[in-house]
Amino acid sequence: MFRNNRNMTLPFLVAVLYLFTSNALYAQDDGFKRFTVKLFGGFSRTNESSHLQKVGGIYELNNSPSAGFGIAWFLSPSWSTEVSASAGHYRMSMKNGDYSSMKVLRDEIPLGRVWLAPISLSIRYHVNRWNKIRPYLAAGRSFLLFDQEDPGWAADAVEYHSRSALHLGLGLDYQLHESWFLQLDLKHFLANRAKVNPDFTKSVGWKLNGQLKPDPTQMTIGIGYRF
């Protein structure tokens, strides 16, 4: 179902364009504050699925702390769009495979660490029924960027292919002041499968082909300023 989520890109972009050009834009005469900037940090829990050739088994992508920033534009008190970016440093390994051909007596082969950085565009709907607490729902598109891979001692190299994803989220803003706010945010990514290919040419003379679907869930707390 989610492997073809690239088909949702056009409807999502049309929705963004509609929000930017519709009559729902709020008048600025009443001092309405349109922009927010925020810094956030938290924890990212992976929900990966994978497939490896030759040796079988799975990839395991460990959980990681994450941090990032976001910029949002409020089109009205209830609707906003946000661009955000974050990053976490994840430990990668191969598990539950047949590693006898690699002459390694292990149940797990470490593949070092890699940075995973989601870059996201979201549409959010805010509920303004209460004074200081403002819940919201969010949906959008992300690009999951793998970067600065370190294969560790087991492999010569590990090749990662970055992929796009849908994301769904919810959260709430707690107004500290007229401009300052705290934000709790939960975001789940639904990614396309990405190629992850370890290179063991120097040790055993071959490369592995594999696929990884990371699907992380990101839980963060942030502080922001609205102007």
C-alpha atoms as a PDB file:
ATOM      1  CA  MET A   1       0.000   0.000   0.000  1.00  0.00           C
ATOM      2  CA  PHE A   2       2.671   2.490   1.028  1.00  0.00           C
ATOM      3  CA  ARG A   3       5.278   1.479  -1.553  1.00  0.00           C
ATOM      4  CA  ASN A   4       3.539   3.677  -4.112  1.00  0.00           C
ATOM      5  CA  ASN A   5       3.052   6.670  -1.864  1.00  0.00           C
ATOM      6  CA  ARG A   6       4.788   8.826  -4.459  1.00  0.00           C
ATOM      7  CA  ASN A   7       1.374   8.839  -6.183  1.00  0.00           C
ATOM      8  CA  MET A   8       0.153  11.076  -3.359  1.00  0.00           C
ATOM      9  CA  THR A   9       2.697  13.811  -4.125  1.00  0.00           C
ATOM     10  CA  LEU A  10       0.574  15.678  -6.700  1.00  0.00           C
ATOM     11  CA  PRO A  11      -2.621  15.821  -4.557  1.00  0.00           C
ATOM     12  CA  PHE A  12      -0.554  16.985  -1.600  1.00  0.00           C
ATOM     13  CA  LEU A  13       1.105  19.783  -3.596  1.00  0.00           C
ATOM     14  CA  VAL A  14      -2.285  20.829  -4.973  1.00  0.00           C
ATOM     15  CA  ALA A  15      -3.625  21.038  -1.406  1.00  0.00           C
ATOM     16  CA  VAL A  16      -0.655  23.186  -0.358  1.00  0.00           C
ATOM     17  CA  LEU A  17      -1.184  25.500  -3.334  1.00  0.00           C
ATOM     18  CA  TYR A  18      -4.892  25.787  -2.529  1.00  0.00           C
ATOM     19  CA  LEU A  19      -4.197  26.742   1.065  1.00  0.00           C
ATOM     20  CA  PHE A  20      -1.749  29.401  -0.038  1.00  0.00           C
ATOM     21  CA  THR A  21      -4.098  30.951  -2.572  1.00  0.00           C
ATOM     22  CA  SER A  22      -7.558  30.464  -1.050  1.00  0.00           C
ATOM     23  CA  ASN A  23      -9.706  33.098   0.597  1.00  0.00           C
ATOM     24  CA  ALA A  24      -9.008  31.484   3.950  1.00  0.00           C
ATOM     25  CA  LEU A  25      -5.957  33.667   4.382  1.00  0.00           C
ATOM     26  CA  TYR A  26      -6.396  35.606   7.570  1.00  0.00           C
ATOM     27  CA  ALA A  27      -6.363  39.391   7.541  1.00  0.00           C
ATOM     28  CA  GLN A  28      -3.244  40.983   8.980  1.00  0.00           C
ATOM     29  CA  ASP A  29      -5.000  44.112  10.233  1.00  0.00           C
ATOM     30  CA  ASP A  30      -5.791  42.618  13.643  1.00  0.00           C
ATOM     31  CA  GLY A  31      -2.166  41.855  14.527  1.00  0.00           C
ATOM     32  CA  PHE A  32      -2.399  38.185  13.582  1.00  0.00           C
ATOM     33  CA  LYS A  33       1.055  36.562  13.898  1.00  0.00           C
ATOM     34  CA  ARG A  34       1.784  34.401  10.906  1.00  0.00           C
ATOM     35  CA  PHE A  35       5.262  32.926  11.404  1.00  0.00           C
ATOM     36  CA  THR A  36       6.818  30.587  13.961  1.00  0.00           C
ATOM     37  CA  VAL A  37      10.328  29.228  14.370  1.00  0.00           C
ATOM     38  CA  LYS A  38      11.180  26.368  16.714  1.00  0.00           C
ATOM     39  CA  LEU A  39      13.985  24.136  17.939  1.00  0.00           C
ATOM     40  CA  PHE A  40      13.186  20.638  19.126  1.00  0.00           C
ATOM     41  CA  GLY A  41      14.778  17.447  20.397  1.00  0.00           C
ATOM     42  CA  GLY A  42      13.621  14.022  21.411  1.00  0.00           C
ATOM     43  CA  PHE A  43      13.750  10.362  20.484  1.00  0.00           C
ATOM     44  CA  SER A  44      13.235   8.425  17.272  1.00  0.00           C
ATOM     45  CA  ARG A  45      12.052   4.816  17.417  1.00  0.00           C
ATOM     46  CA  THR A  46      12.509   2.748  14.261  1.00  0.00           C
ATOM     47  CA  ASN A  47       9.887   0.311  12.975  1.00  0.00           C
ATOM     48  CA  GLU A  48      11.990  -1.180  10.203  1.00  0.00           C
ATOM     49  CA  SER A  49      11.312  -4.078   7.877  1.00  0.00           C
ATOM     50  CA  SER A  50      13.975  -5.418   5.515  1.00  0.00           C
ATOM     51  CA  HIS A  51      15.128  -8.096   3.099  1.00  0.00           C
ATOM     52  CA  LEU A  52      18.671  -9.372   2.440  1.00  0.00           C
ATOM     53  CA  GLN A  53      19.929 -11.577  -0.377  1.00  0.00           C
ATOM     54  CA  LYS A  54      22.525 -14.396  -0.121  1.00  0.00           C
ATOM     55  CA  VAL A  55      22.754 -14.615   3.666  1.00  0.00           C
ATOM     56  CA  GLY A  56      19.103 -13.975   4.588  1.00  0.00           C
ATOM     57  CA  GLY A  57      18.177 -12.401   7.897  1.00  0.00           C
ATOM     58  CA  ILE A  58      17.245  -8.791   8.511  1.00  0.00           C
ATOM     59  CA  TYR A  59      18.702  -5.349   8.968  1.00  0.00           C
ATOM     60  CA  GLU A  60      18.337  -3.848  12.427  1.00  0.00           C
ATOM     61  CA  LEU A  61      18.354  -0.074  12.743  1.00  0.00           C
ATOM     62  CA  ASN A  62      18.583   0.904  16.403  1.00  0.00           C
ATOM     63  CA  ASN A  63      16.680   3.774  18.008  1.00  0.00           C
ATOM     64  CA  SER A  64      18.352   7.157  18.333  1.00  0.00           C
ATOM     65  CA  PRO A  65      18.055  10.608  19.933  1.00  0.00           C
ATOM     66  CA  SER A  66      17.091  13.240  17.374  1.00  0.00           C
ATOM     67  CA  ALA A  67      17.081  17.026  17.111  1.00  0.00           C
ATOM     68  CA  GLY A  68      16.040  19.617  14.562  1.00  0.00           C
ATOM     69  CA  PHE A  69      14.289  22.873  13.708  1.00  0.00           C
ATOM     70  CA  GLY A  70      11.122  24.021  11.969  1.00  0.00           C
ATOM     71  CA  ILE A  71       9.615  27.095  10.312  1.00  0.00           C
ATOM     72  CA  ALA A  72       5.829  27.452  10.016  1.00  0.00           C
ATOM     73  CA  TRP A  73       3.492  29.894   8.317  1.00  0.00           C
ATOM     74  CA  PHE A  74      -0.073  30.316   9.612  1.00  0.00           C
ATOM     75  CA  LEU A  75      -2.526  30.934   6.815  1.00  0.00           C
ATOM     76  CA  SER A  76      -5.354  31.308   9.355  1.00  0.00           C
ATOM     77  CA  PRO A  77      -5.783  30.542  13.083  1.00  0.00           C
ATOM     78  CA  SER A  78      -6.679  26.944  12.144  1.00  0.00           C
ATOM     79  CA  TRP A  79      -4.367  26.149   9.222  1.00  0.00           C
ATOM     80  CA  SER A  80      -0.601  26.283   8.849  1.00  0.00           C
ATOM     81  CA  THR A  81       2.188  24.832   6.743  1.00  0.00           C
ATOM     82  CA  GLU A  82       5.560  23.848   8.160  1.00  0.00           C
ATOM     83  CA  VAL A  83       8.995  22.969   6.820  1.00  0.00           C
ATOM     84  CA  SER A  84      11.144  21.026   9.288  1.00  0.00           C
ATOM     85  CA  ALA A  85      14.389  19.070   9.328  1.00  0.00           C
ATOM     86  CA  SER A  86      15.856  16.772  11.954  1.00  0.00           C
ATOM     87  CA  ALA A  87      18.604  14.171  12.271  1.00  0.00           C
ATOM     88  CA  GLY A  88      19.515  11.117  14.324  1.00  0.00           C
ATOM     89  CA  HIS A  89      22.642   8.906  14.420  1.00  0.00           C
ATOM     90  CA  TYR A  90      21.623   5.245  14.079  1.00  0.00           C
ATOM     91  CA  ARG A  91      23.494   1.994  14.645  1.00  0.00           C
ATOM     92  CA  MET A  92      23.049  -0.528  11.820  1.00  0.00           C
ATOM     93  CA  SER A  93      23.537  -4.317  11.871  1.00  0.00           C
ATOM     94  CA  MET A  94      22.640  -7.582  10.138  1.00  0.00           C
ATOM     95  CA  LYS A  95      20.910 -10.259  12.231  1.00  0.00           C
ATOM     96  CA  ASN A  96      19.432 -13.770  12.000  1.00  0.00           C
ATOM     97  CA  GLY A  97      21.223 -14.697   8.768  1.00  0.00           C
ATOM     98  CA  ASP A  98      23.567 -17.477   7.630  1.00  0.00           C
ATOM     99  CA  TYR A  99      27.048 -15.976   7.996  1.00  0.00           C
ATOM    100  CA  SER A 100      29.036 -19.233   7.637  1.00  0.00           C
ATOM    101  CA  SER A 101      30.295 -18.199   4.170  1.00  0.00           C
ATOM    102  CA  MET A 102      31.752 -15.067   5.779  1.00  0.00           C
ATOM    103  CA  LYS A 103      33.787 -17.200   8.235  1.00  0.00           C
ATOM    104  CA  VAL A 104      32.305 -15.248  11.119  1.00  0.00           C
ATOM    105  CA  LEU A 105      30.939 -17.030  14.199  1.00  0.00           C
ATOM    106  CA  ARG A 106      28.393 -14.375  15.053  1.00  0.00           C
ATOM    107  CA  ASP A 107      24.639 -14.003  15.167  1.00  0.00           C
ATOM    108  CA  GLU A 108      24.967 -10.313  14.373  1.00  0.00           C
ATOM    109  CA  ILE A 109      27.212  -8.403  11.938  1.00  0.00           C
ATOM    110  CA  PRO A 110      27.662  -4.723  12.839  1.00  0.00           C
ATOM    111  CA  LEU A 111      27.545  -2.246   9.959  1.00  0.00           C
ATOM    112  CA  GLY A 112      28.593   0.891  11.817  1.00  0.00           C
ATOM    113  CA  ARG A 113      26.453   4.014  12.039  1.00  0.00           C
ATOM    114  CA  VAL A 114      24.579   6.298   9.664  1.00  0.00           C
ATOM    115  CA  TRP A 115      22.811   9.645   9.968  1.00  0.00           C
ATOM    116  CA  LEU A 116      19.132   9.620   8.999  1.00  0.00           C
ATOM    117  CA  ALA A 117      17.690  13.094   8.391  1.00  0.00           C
ATOM    118  CA  PRO A 118      13.980  13.554   7.542  1.00  0.00           C
ATOM    119  CA  ILE A 119      13.221  16.804   5.688  1.00  0.00           C
ATOM    120  CA  SER A 120       9.470  17.407   5.825  1.00  0.00           C
ATOM    121  CA  LEU A 121       6.718  19.626   4.441  1.00  0.00           C
ATOM    122  CA  SER A 122       3.507  19.436   6.501  1.00  0.00           C
ATOM    123  CA  ILE A 123      -0.029  20.796   6.484  1.00  0.00           C
ATOM    124  CA  ARG A 124      -1.427  21.193  10.014  1.00  0.00           C
ATOM    125  CA  TYR A 125      -4.913  21.777  11.374  1.00  0.00           C
ATOM    126  CA  HIS A 126      -5.043  23.507  14.787  1.00  0.00           C
ATOM    127  CA  VAL A 127      -7.865  23.278  17.323  1.00  0.00           C
ATOM    128  CA  ASN A 128      -8.349  26.660  19.036  1.00  0.00           C
ATOM    129  CA  ARG A 129     -11.041  25.853  21.614  1.00  0.00           C
ATOM    130  CA  TRP A 130      -8.819  26.478  24.622  1.00  0.00           C
ATOM    131  CA  ASN A 131      -6.803  29.483  25.649  1.00  0.00           C
ATOM    132  CA  LYS A 132      -3.242  28.174  26.116  1.00  0.00           C
ATOM    133  CA  ILE A 133      -3.432  24.592  24.829  1.00  0.00           C
ATOM    134  CA  ARG A 134      -3.795  24.177  21.061  1.00  0.00           C
ATOM    135  CA  PRO A 135      -3.774  20.598  19.692  1.00  0.00           C
ATOM    136  CA  TYR A 136      -3.134  19.949  16.016  1.00  0.00           C
ATOM    137  CA  LEU A 137      -3.148  17.209  13.388  1.00  0.00           C
ATOM    138  CA  ALA A 138      -0.527  17.067  10.632  1.00  0.00           C
ATOM    139  CA  ALA A 139       0.166  15.255   7.362  1.00  0.00           C
ATOM    140  CA  GLY A 140       2.666  15.702   4.577  1.00  0.00           C
ATOM    141  CA  ARG A 141       5.644  14.505   2.564  1.00  0.00           C
ATOM    142  CA  SER A 142       9.193  13.847   3.714  1.00  0.00           C
ATOM    143  CA  PHE A 143      12.545  12.980   2.195  1.00  0.00           C
ATOM    144  CA  LEU A 144      14.541  10.544   4.350  1.00  0.00           C
ATOM    145  CA  LEU A 145      18.187  11.389   3.720  1.00  0.00           C
ATOM    146  CA  PHE A 146      20.906   8.879   4.672  1.00  0.00           C
ATOM    147  CA  ASP A 147      24.241  10.612   5.149  1.00  0.00           C
ATOM    148  CA  GLN A 148      27.805  10.174   6.473  1.00  0.00           C
ATOM    149  CA  GLU A 149      27.650   6.401   6.651  1.00  0.00           C
ATOM    150  CA  ASP A 150      30.395   4.704   8.676  1.00  0.00           C
ATOM    151  CA  PRO A 151      30.578   0.938   7.937  1.00  0.00           C
ATOM    152  CA  GLY A 152      32.492   0.088  11.123  1.00  0.00           C
ATOM    153  CA  TRP A 153      34.957  -2.818  11.164  1.00  0.00           C
ATOM    154  CA  ALA A 154      32.867  -5.542   9.511  1.00  0.00           C
ATOM    155  CA  ALA A 155      32.249  -4.107   6.026  1.00  0.00           C
ATOM    156  CA  ASP A 156      34.407  -2.185   3.573  1.00  0.00           C
ATOM    157  CA  ALA A 157      31.528   0.192   2.878  1.00  0.00           C
ATOM    158  CA  VAL A 158      27.736   0.406   3.077  1.00  0.00           C
ATOM    159  CA  GLU A 159      25.766   2.115   0.321  1.00  0.00           C
ATOM    160  CA  TYR A 160      22.452   3.738   1.332  1.00  0.00           C
ATOM    161  CA  HIS A 161      19.819   5.108  -1.050  1.00  0.00           C
ATOM    162  CA  SER A 162      17.671   7.944   0.299  1.00  0.00           C
ATOM    163  CA  ARG A 163      13.906   7.689  -0.192  1.00  0.00           C
ATOM    164  CA  SER A 164      10.682   9.694   0.089  1.00  0.00           C
ATOM    165  CA  ALA A 165       7.945   9.055   2.643  1.00  0.00           C
ATOM    166  CA  LEU A 166       4.510  10.090   3.770  1.00  0.00           C
ATOM    167  CA  HIS A 167       4.178  11.234   7.363  1.00  0.00           C
ATOM    168  CA  LEU A 168       1.283  11.628   9.779  1.00  0.00           C
ATOM    169  CA  GLY A 169       1.454  13.457  13.076  1.00  0.00           C
ATOM    170  CA  LEU A 170      -0.271  15.055  16.004  1.00  0.00           C
ATOM    171  CA  GLY A 171       0.802  17.348  18.808  1.00  0.00           C
ATOM    172  CA  LEU A 172      -0.031  20.385  20.858  1.00  0.00           C
ATOM    173  CA  ASP A 173       1.274  23.869  21.487  1.00  0.00           C
ATOM    174  CA  TYR A 174       1.289  25.283  25.002  1.00  0.00           C
ATOM    175  CA  GLN A 175       1.380  29.069  25.004  1.00  0.00           C
ATOM    176  CA  LEU A 176       3.902  30.392  27.547  1.00  0.00           C
ATOM    177  CA  HIS A 177       3.581  34.017  26.498  1.00  0.00           C
ATOM    178  CA  GLU A 178       2.103  36.044  23.690  1.00  0.00           C
ATOM    179  CA  SER A 179       4.963  34.911  21.454  1.00  0.00           C
ATOM    180  CA  TRP A 180       6.727  31.962  23.156  1.00  0.00           C
ATOM    181  CA  PHE A 181       5.326  28.423  23.214  1.00  0.00           C
ATOM    182  CA  LEU A 182       6.251  24.829  24.034  1.00  0.00           C
ATOM    183  CA  GLN A 183       5.404  22.096  21.553  1.00  0.00           C
ATOM    184  CA  LEU A 184       4.922  18.343  21.965  1.00  0.00           C
ATOM    185  CA  ASP A 185       4.999  16.490  18.656  1.00  0.00           C
ATOM    186  CA  LEU A 186       4.555  12.892  17.500  1.00  0.00           C
ATOM    187  CA  LYS A 187       5.306  12.047  13.857  1.00  0.00           C
ATOM    188  CA  HIS A 188       5.275   8.691  12.070  1.00  0.00           C
ATOM    189  CA  PHE A 189       6.945   8.158   8.682  1.00  0.00           C
ATOM    190  CA  LEU A 190       5.723   5.698   6.035  1.00  0.00           C
ATOM    191  CA  ALA A 191       8.665   5.282   3.686  1.00  0.00           C
ATOM    192  CA  ASN A 192       9.407   3.612   0.381  1.00  0.00           C
ATOM    193  CA  ARG A 193      11.925   0.770   0.525  1.00  0.00           C
ATOM    194  CA  ALA A 194      15.521   1.985   0.281  1.00  0.00           C
ATOM    195  CA  LYS A 195      18.452  -0.012  -1.095  1.00  0.00           C
ATOM    196  CA  VAL A 196      21.123  -0.730   1.520  1.00  0.00           C
ATOM    197  CA  ASN A 197      24.102  -2.601   0.074  1.00  0.00           C
ATOM    198  CA  PRO A 198      27.042  -3.680   2.297  1.00  0.00           C
ATOM    199  CA  ASP A 199      30.370  -4.266   0.526  1.00  0.00           C
ATOM    200  CA  PHE A 200      32.477  -7.206   1.813  1.00  0.00           C
ATOM    201  CA  THR A 201      34.805  -7.392  -1.199  1.00  0.00           C
ATOM    202  CA  LYS A 202      38.053  -7.321   0.793  1.00  0.00           C
ATOM    203  CA  SER A 203      37.005  -9.939   3.341  1.00  0.00           C
ATOM    204  CA  VAL A 204      34.918 -12.491   1.396  1.00  0.00           C
ATOM    205  CA  GLY A 205      34.942 -11.179  -2.179  1.00  0.00           C
ATOM    206  CA  TRP A 206      31.319 -10.165  -2.693  1.00  0.00           C
ATOM    207  CA  LYS A 207      28.670  -7.537  -2.062  1.00  0.00           C
ATOM    208  CA  LEU A 208      25.225  -7.883  -0.528  1.00  0.00           C
ATOM    209  CA  ASN A 209      22.026  -6.398  -1.901  1.00  0.00           C
ATOM    210  CA  GLY A 210      19.327  -5.510   0.590  1.00  0.00           C
ATOM    211  CA  GLN A 211      16.286  -3.326   1.120  1.00  0.00           C
ATOM    212  CA  LEU A 212      15.301  -1.373   4.222  1.00  0.00           C
ATOM    213  CA  LYS A 213      12.007   0.311   5.113  1.00  0.00           C
ATOM    214  CA  PRO A 214      12.904   2.346   8.248  1.00  0.00           C
ATOM    215  CA  ASP A 215       9.480   3.893   9.098  1.00  0.00           C
ATOM    216  CA  PRO A 216      10.664   5.776  12.227  1.00  0.00           C
ATOM    217  CA  THR A 217       8.340   7.300  14.804  1.00  0.00           C
ATOM    218  CA  GLN A 218       9.670  10.606  16.153  1.00  0.00           C
ATOM    219  CA  MET A 219       8.676  11.972  19.566  1.00  0.00           C
ATOM    220  CA  THR A 220       9.962  15.465  20.372  1.00  0.00           C
ATOM    221  CA  ILE A 221       9.550  18.470  22.610  1.00  0.00           C
ATOM    222  CA  GLY A 222      10.427  21.925  21.353  1.00  0.00           C
ATOM    223  CA  ILE A 223      10.385  25.597  22.132  1.00  0.00           C
ATOM    224  CA  GLY A 224       9.240  28.150  19.590  1.00  0.00           C
ATOM    225  CA  TYR A 225       8.654  31.830  18.941  1.00  0.00           C
ATOM    226  CA  ARG A 226       5.735  33.292  16.984  1.00  0.00           C
ATOM    227  CA  PHE A 227       5.918  36.643  15.201  1.00  0.00           C
END
